[in-house]
Amino acid sequence: QVQVVESGGGLVQPGGSLRLSCVASGSIFSAFNMGWYRQAPGKQRQLVAAITSGGTTNYADSVRGRFTISRDNAKNTVYLQMNSPKPEDTAVYYCNYDRGWPEVYWGQGTQVTVSS
């Protein structure tokens, strides 16, 4: 059974830094695309950053240049390094492992609050 668990969320000051981690178990994920999404109150879930199995990255315009996604296939782990976060980055962050339906897996989410 596949399990996906995020960690690293919390309170961070604007201009600070925070690193989110997400580890999956129950399968081999090197062939999966991985991504981070976020959902703020009253808004739809949106893509923040994604990385393909080949290492190609993609970012939302709002975070490009500030956030960095990376992966460690040996650890089945995907990371999101958040530098210079802004209050509008406050949301629940979800990680996603995807190799096409039905092999799509989500974590339970981790809260990130950017506030002074």
N, C-alpha and C. Protein backbone atom coordinates (compact mmCIF):
# COMPACT_ATOMS: atom_id res chain seq x y z
N GLN A 1 0.85 -1.19 0.00
CA GLN A 1 0.00 0.00 0.00
C GLN A 1 0.89 1.24 0.00
N VAL A 2 0.57 2.17 -0.88
CA VAL A 2 1.37 3.38 -0.99
C VAL A 2 0.99 4.38 0.09
N GLN A 3 2.00 4.94 0.71
CA GLN A 3 1.80 6.01 1.68
C GLN A 3 2.69 7.19 1.30
N VAL A 4 2.13 8.39 1.44
CA VAL A 4 2.84 9.62 1.10
C VAL A 4 2.73 10.56 2.30
N VAL A 5 3.87 11.02 2.81
CA VAL A 5 3.86 11.82 4.03
C VAL A 5 4.72 13.07 3.84
N GLU A 6 4.09 14.23 4.03
CA GLU A 6 4.82 15.50 3.97
C GLU A 6 5.31 15.89 5.36
N SER A 7 6.34 16.72 5.39
CA SER A 7 6.83 17.28 6.63
C SER A 7 7.53 18.60 6.33
N GLY A 8 7.78 19.36 7.39
CA GLY A 8 8.55 20.59 7.25
C GLY A 8 7.75 21.86 7.25
N GLY A 9 6.43 21.76 7.29
CA GLY A 9 5.62 22.96 7.32
C GLY A 9 5.71 23.67 8.67
N GLY A 10 5.15 24.86 8.72
CA GLY A 10 5.16 25.62 9.96
C GLY A 10 5.05 27.10 9.69
N LEU A 11 5.45 27.87 10.69
CA LEU A 11 5.41 29.32 10.60
C LEU A 11 6.78 29.84 10.17
N VAL A 12 6.79 30.70 9.19
CA VAL A 12 8.04 31.29 8.71
C VAL A 12 7.81 32.77 8.47
N GLN A 13 8.82 33.56 8.73
CA GLN A 13 8.72 35.00 8.52
C GLN A 13 8.91 35.34 7.05
N PRO A 14 8.28 36.38 6.59
CA PRO A 14 8.54 36.83 5.21
C PRO A 14 10.03 37.08 5.01
N GLY A 15 10.55 36.58 3.90
CA GLY A 15 11.97 36.72 3.63
C GLY A 15 12.83 35.64 4.21
N GLY A 16 12.25 34.74 4.97
CA GLY A 16 13.00 33.64 5.57
C GLY A 16 13.14 32.49 4.60
N SER A 17 13.24 31.28 5.15
CA SER A 17 13.32 30.10 4.30
C SER A 17 12.70 28.91 5.03
N LEU A 18 12.26 27.96 4.25
CA LEU A 18 11.63 26.75 4.78
C LEU A 18 11.80 25.65 3.74
N ARG A 19 12.01 24.44 4.19
CA ARG A 19 12.12 23.31 3.26
C ARG A 19 11.08 22.28 3.60
N LEU A 20 10.27 21.96 2.63
CA LEU A 20 9.30 20.89 2.77
C LEU A 20 9.88 19.60 2.20
N SER A 21 9.53 18.50 2.85
CA SER A 21 9.94 17.18 2.39
C SER A 21 8.72 16.30 2.24
N CYS A 22 8.82 15.35 1.34
CA CYS A 22 7.73 14.41 1.14
C CYS A 22 8.34 13.06 0.77
N VAL A 23 7.99 12.05 1.53
CA VAL A 23 8.53 10.72 1.28
C VAL A 23 7.38 9.75 1.01
N ALA A 24 7.58 8.90 0.03
CA ALA A 24 6.59 7.91 -0.33
C ALA A 24 7.14 6.52 -0.07
N SER A 25 6.26 5.61 0.24
CA SER A 25 6.65 4.22 0.47
C SER A 25 5.61 3.30 -0.15
N GLY A 26 6.04 2.07 -0.40
CA GLY A 26 5.11 1.09 -0.94
C GLY A 26 5.26 0.82 -2.42
N SER A 27 6.18 1.50 -3.05
CA SER A 27 6.44 1.26 -4.46
C SER A 27 7.79 1.88 -4.80
N ILE A 28 8.17 1.73 -6.07
CA ILE A 28 9.39 2.37 -6.57
C ILE A 28 8.97 3.58 -7.37
N PHE A 29 9.46 4.75 -6.98
CA PHE A 29 8.91 5.99 -7.51
C PHE A 29 9.83 6.71 -8.48
N SER A 30 10.91 6.09 -8.88
CA SER A 30 11.85 6.79 -9.75
C SER A 30 11.23 7.16 -11.10
N ALA A 31 10.21 6.41 -11.52
CA ALA A 31 9.57 6.67 -12.81
C ALA A 31 8.37 7.62 -12.70
N PHE A 32 8.11 8.07 -11.48
CA PHE A 32 6.97 8.96 -11.25
C PHE A 32 7.39 10.42 -11.45
N ASN A 33 6.47 11.22 -11.97
CA ASN A 33 6.59 12.66 -11.86
C ASN A 33 6.17 13.05 -10.45
N MET A 34 6.79 14.08 -9.92
CA MET A 34 6.49 14.52 -8.55
C MET A 34 6.17 16.01 -8.57
N GLY A 35 5.34 16.42 -7.64
CA GLY A 35 4.97 17.82 -7.63
C GLY A 35 4.51 18.29 -6.27
N TRP A 36 4.51 19.60 -6.12
CA TRP A 36 3.96 20.26 -4.94
C TRP A 36 2.81 21.15 -5.39
N TYR A 37 1.71 21.04 -4.67
CA TYR A 37 0.53 21.87 -4.90
C TYR A 37 0.22 22.60 -3.60
N ARG A 38 -0.61 23.63 -3.70
CA ARG A 38 -1.04 24.30 -2.48
C ARG A 38 -2.48 24.75 -2.62
N GLN A 39 -3.11 24.88 -1.47
CA GLN A 39 -4.51 25.32 -1.44
C GLN A 39 -4.68 26.29 -0.29
N ALA A 40 -5.02 27.51 -0.62
CA ALA A 40 -5.32 28.53 0.38
C ALA A 40 -6.82 28.51 0.68
N PRO A 41 -7.21 29.01 1.83
CA PRO A 41 -8.64 29.01 2.18
C PRO A 41 -9.49 29.70 1.11
N GLY A 42 -10.53 29.03 0.70
CA GLY A 42 -11.44 29.60 -0.28
C GLY A 42 -10.95 29.56 -1.71
N LYS A 43 -9.81 28.93 -1.92
CA LYS A 43 -9.26 28.88 -3.28
C LYS A 43 -9.06 27.43 -3.73
N GLN A 44 -8.91 27.26 -5.03
CA GLN A 44 -8.67 25.93 -5.56
C GLN A 44 -7.21 25.52 -5.38
N ARG A 45 -7.00 24.23 -5.35
CA ARG A 45 -5.64 23.71 -5.29
C ARG A 45 -4.93 24.05 -6.60
N GLN A 46 -3.69 24.52 -6.47
CA GLN A 46 -2.94 24.91 -7.65
C GLN A 46 -1.53 24.35 -7.61
N LEU A 47 -0.98 24.14 -8.79
CA LEU A 47 0.39 23.63 -8.90
C LEU A 47 1.38 24.72 -8.47
N VAL A 48 2.33 24.31 -7.64
CA VAL A 48 3.42 25.21 -7.24
C VAL A 48 4.67 24.89 -8.04
N ALA A 49 5.05 23.61 -8.07
CA ALA A 49 6.24 23.20 -8.78
C ALA A 49 6.15 21.71 -9.08
N ALA A 50 6.80 21.30 -10.16
CA ALA A 50 6.79 19.90 -10.54
C ALA A 50 8.15 19.51 -11.09
N ILE A 51 8.46 18.22 -10.96
CA ILE A 51 9.70 17.70 -11.51
C ILE A 51 9.40 16.34 -12.12
N THR A 52 9.83 16.17 -13.36
CA THR A 52 9.56 14.92 -14.05
C THR A 52 10.53 13.83 -13.60
N SER A 53 10.28 12.62 -14.05
CA SER A 53 11.18 11.51 -13.73
C SER A 53 12.57 11.75 -14.31
N GLY A 54 12.66 12.56 -15.36
CA GLY A 54 13.94 12.88 -15.97
C GLY A 54 14.61 14.11 -15.38
N GLY A 55 13.94 14.76 -14.43
CA GLY A 55 14.54 15.90 -13.75
C GLY A 55 14.16 17.27 -14.29
N THR A 56 13.29 17.33 -15.27
CA THR A 56 12.82 18.62 -15.78
C THR A 56 11.88 19.25 -14.78
N THR A 57 12.09 20.54 -14.52
CA THR A 57 11.28 21.24 -13.52
C THR A 57 10.36 22.27 -14.17
N ASN A 58 9.30 22.57 -13.45
CA ASN A 58 8.32 23.56 -13.90
C ASN A 58 7.80 24.26 -12.66
N TYR A 59 7.61 25.58 -12.76
CA TYR A 59 7.19 26.38 -11.61
C TYR A 59 6.04 27.29 -11.98
N ALA A 60 5.19 27.53 -10.98
CA ALA A 60 4.20 28.58 -11.12
C ALA A 60 4.92 29.92 -11.21
N ASP A 61 4.37 30.83 -11.97
CA ASP A 61 5.01 32.14 -12.13
C ASP A 61 5.21 32.83 -10.79
N SER A 62 4.29 32.62 -9.87
CA SER A 62 4.33 33.32 -8.60
C SER A 62 5.48 32.89 -7.70
N VAL A 63 6.08 31.73 -7.97
CA VAL A 63 7.15 31.23 -7.10
C VAL A 63 8.47 31.07 -7.84
N ARG A 64 8.45 31.23 -9.14
CA ARG A 64 9.68 31.02 -9.91
C ARG A 64 10.76 31.99 -9.43
N GLY A 65 11.94 31.45 -9.21
CA GLY A 65 13.05 32.25 -8.71
C GLY A 65 13.15 32.29 -7.20
N ARG A 66 12.12 31.84 -6.51
CA ARG A 66 12.13 31.82 -5.04
C ARG A 66 12.08 30.40 -4.49
N PHE A 67 11.34 29.53 -5.16
CA PHE A 67 11.20 28.15 -4.71
C PHE A 67 11.99 27.23 -5.63
N THR A 68 12.48 26.12 -5.06
CA THR A 68 13.20 25.13 -5.84
C THR A 68 12.70 23.73 -5.49
N ILE A 69 12.33 22.99 -6.50
CA ILE A 69 11.91 21.60 -6.29
C ILE A 69 13.07 20.68 -6.66
N SER A 70 13.22 19.62 -5.89
CA SER A 70 14.26 18.63 -6.19
C SER A 70 13.76 17.27 -5.73
N ARG A 71 14.47 16.24 -6.16
CA ARG A 71 14.05 14.88 -5.80
C ARG A 71 15.28 14.02 -5.53
N ASP A 72 15.07 13.02 -4.70
CA ASP A 72 16.09 12.02 -4.41
C ASP A 72 15.44 10.66 -4.63
N ASN A 73 15.70 10.08 -5.78
CA ASN A 73 15.02 8.82 -6.12
C ASN A 73 15.42 7.69 -5.18
N ALA A 74 16.62 7.70 -4.69
CA ALA A 74 17.05 6.64 -3.78
C ALA A 74 16.25 6.65 -2.50
N LYS A 75 15.72 7.82 -2.15
CA LYS A 75 14.94 7.96 -0.92
C LYS A 75 13.45 8.12 -1.18
N ASN A 76 13.04 8.03 -2.46
CA ASN A 76 11.62 8.23 -2.80
C ASN A 76 11.10 9.56 -2.25
N THR A 77 11.93 10.57 -2.30
CA THR A 77 11.64 11.83 -1.63
C THR A 77 11.67 12.99 -2.61
N VAL A 78 10.74 13.93 -2.41
CA VAL A 78 10.73 15.18 -3.16
C VAL A 78 10.77 16.32 -2.16
N TYR A 79 11.50 17.37 -2.52
CA TYR A 79 11.69 18.51 -1.63
C TYR A 79 11.16 19.79 -2.30
N LEU A 80 10.79 20.74 -1.45
CA LEU A 80 10.49 22.08 -1.93
C LEU A 80 11.22 23.07 -1.03
N GLN A 81 12.25 23.69 -1.57
CA GLN A 81 12.97 24.73 -0.84
C GLN A 81 12.28 26.05 -1.11
N MET A 82 11.81 26.68 -0.04
CA MET A 82 11.06 27.93 -0.15
C MET A 82 11.93 29.05 0.39
N ASN A 83 12.43 29.89 -0.49
CA ASN A 83 13.21 31.05 -0.09
C ASN A 83 12.40 32.32 -0.30
N SER A 84 12.64 33.28 0.55
CA SER A 84 11.94 34.57 0.48
C SER A 84 10.42 34.38 0.35
N PRO A 85 9.83 33.59 1.23
CA PRO A 85 8.37 33.42 1.13
C PRO A 85 7.65 34.71 1.44
N LYS A 86 6.44 34.80 0.91
CA LYS A 86 5.60 35.97 1.10
C LYS A 86 4.30 35.55 1.81
N PRO A 87 3.62 36.49 2.43
CA PRO A 87 2.35 36.12 3.08
C PRO A 87 1.37 35.42 2.14
N GLU A 88 1.39 35.76 0.88
CA GLU A 88 0.48 35.12 -0.07
C GLU A 88 0.85 33.67 -0.39
N ASP A 89 1.99 33.21 0.12
CA ASP A 89 2.36 31.80 -0.01
C ASP A 89 1.73 30.94 1.06
N THR A 90 1.05 31.57 2.00
CA THR A 90 0.38 30.83 3.07
C THR A 90 -0.69 29.91 2.49
N ALA A 91 -0.60 28.63 2.83
CA ALA A 91 -1.52 27.63 2.29
C ALA A 91 -1.19 26.27 2.89
N VAL A 92 -2.04 25.31 2.61
CA VAL A 92 -1.71 23.92 2.87
C VAL A 92 -1.01 23.39 1.62
N TYR A 93 0.16 22.82 1.82
CA TYR A 93 0.96 22.31 0.72
C TYR A 93 0.84 20.78 0.66
N TYR A 94 0.59 20.29 -0.55
CA TYR A 94 0.42 18.86 -0.78
C TYR A 94 1.47 18.38 -1.78
N CYS A 95 2.00 17.21 -1.53
CA CYS A 95 2.88 16.63 -2.54
C CYS A 95 2.11 15.57 -3.33
N ASN A 96 2.60 15.32 -4.51
CA ASN A 96 1.90 14.47 -5.47
C ASN A 96 2.91 13.60 -6.20
N TYR A 97 2.60 12.32 -6.31
CA TYR A 97 3.39 11.37 -7.10
C TYR A 97 2.46 10.85 -8.20
N ASP A 98 2.89 10.93 -9.43
CA ASP A 98 1.99 10.69 -10.55
C ASP A 98 2.70 9.93 -11.67
N ARG A 99 2.11 8.77 -12.02
CA ARG A 99 2.60 8.06 -13.20
C ARG A 99 1.42 7.75 -14.10
N GLY A 100 0.41 8.63 -14.01
CA GLY A 100 -0.78 8.41 -14.79
C GLY A 100 -1.79 7.59 -14.02
N TRP A 101 -3.06 7.90 -14.22
CA TRP A 101 -4.13 7.18 -13.51
C TRP A 101 -4.01 5.70 -13.79
N PRO A 102 -4.21 4.84 -12.76
CA PRO A 102 -4.60 5.14 -11.39
C PRO A 102 -3.43 5.35 -10.44
N GLU A 103 -2.24 5.42 -10.97
CA GLU A 103 -1.08 5.59 -10.09
C GLU A 103 -0.84 7.07 -9.80
N VAL A 104 -1.74 7.65 -9.04
CA VAL A 104 -1.65 9.04 -8.61
C VAL A 104 -1.85 9.06 -7.10
N TYR A 105 -0.87 9.61 -6.40
CA TYR A 105 -0.90 9.56 -4.94
C TYR A 105 -0.67 10.95 -4.36
N TRP A 106 -1.39 11.24 -3.27
CA TRP A 106 -1.31 12.53 -2.59
C TRP A 106 -0.94 12.34 -1.13
N GLY A 107 -0.23 13.31 -0.59
CA GLY A 107 -0.01 13.35 0.83
C GLY A 107 -1.19 14.00 1.54
N GLN A 108 -1.10 14.07 2.85
CA GLN A 108 -2.21 14.60 3.65
C GLN A 108 -2.16 16.11 3.77
N GLY A 109 -1.04 16.72 3.37
CA GLY A 109 -0.91 18.17 3.42
C GLY A 109 -0.17 18.65 4.64
N THR A 110 0.56 19.75 4.47
CA THR A 110 1.26 20.38 5.59
C THR A 110 1.03 21.89 5.50
N GLN A 111 0.71 22.48 6.64
CA GLN A 111 0.38 23.91 6.66
C GLN A 111 1.66 24.74 6.64
N VAL A 112 1.67 25.73 5.78
CA VAL A 112 2.74 26.73 5.75
C VAL A 112 2.10 28.08 5.97
N THR A 113 2.57 28.78 6.99
CA THR A 113 2.07 30.12 7.29
C THR A 113 3.23 31.10 7.25
N VAL A 114 3.08 32.11 6.40
CA VAL A 114 4.12 33.13 6.27
C VAL A 114 3.60 34.41 6.93
N SER A 115 4.23 34.74 8.04
CA SER A 115 3.76 35.90 8.81
C SER A 115 4.87 36.38 9.72
N SER A 116 4.85 37.68 9.97
CA SER A 116 5.81 38.25 10.92
C SER A 116 5.20 38.34 12.31
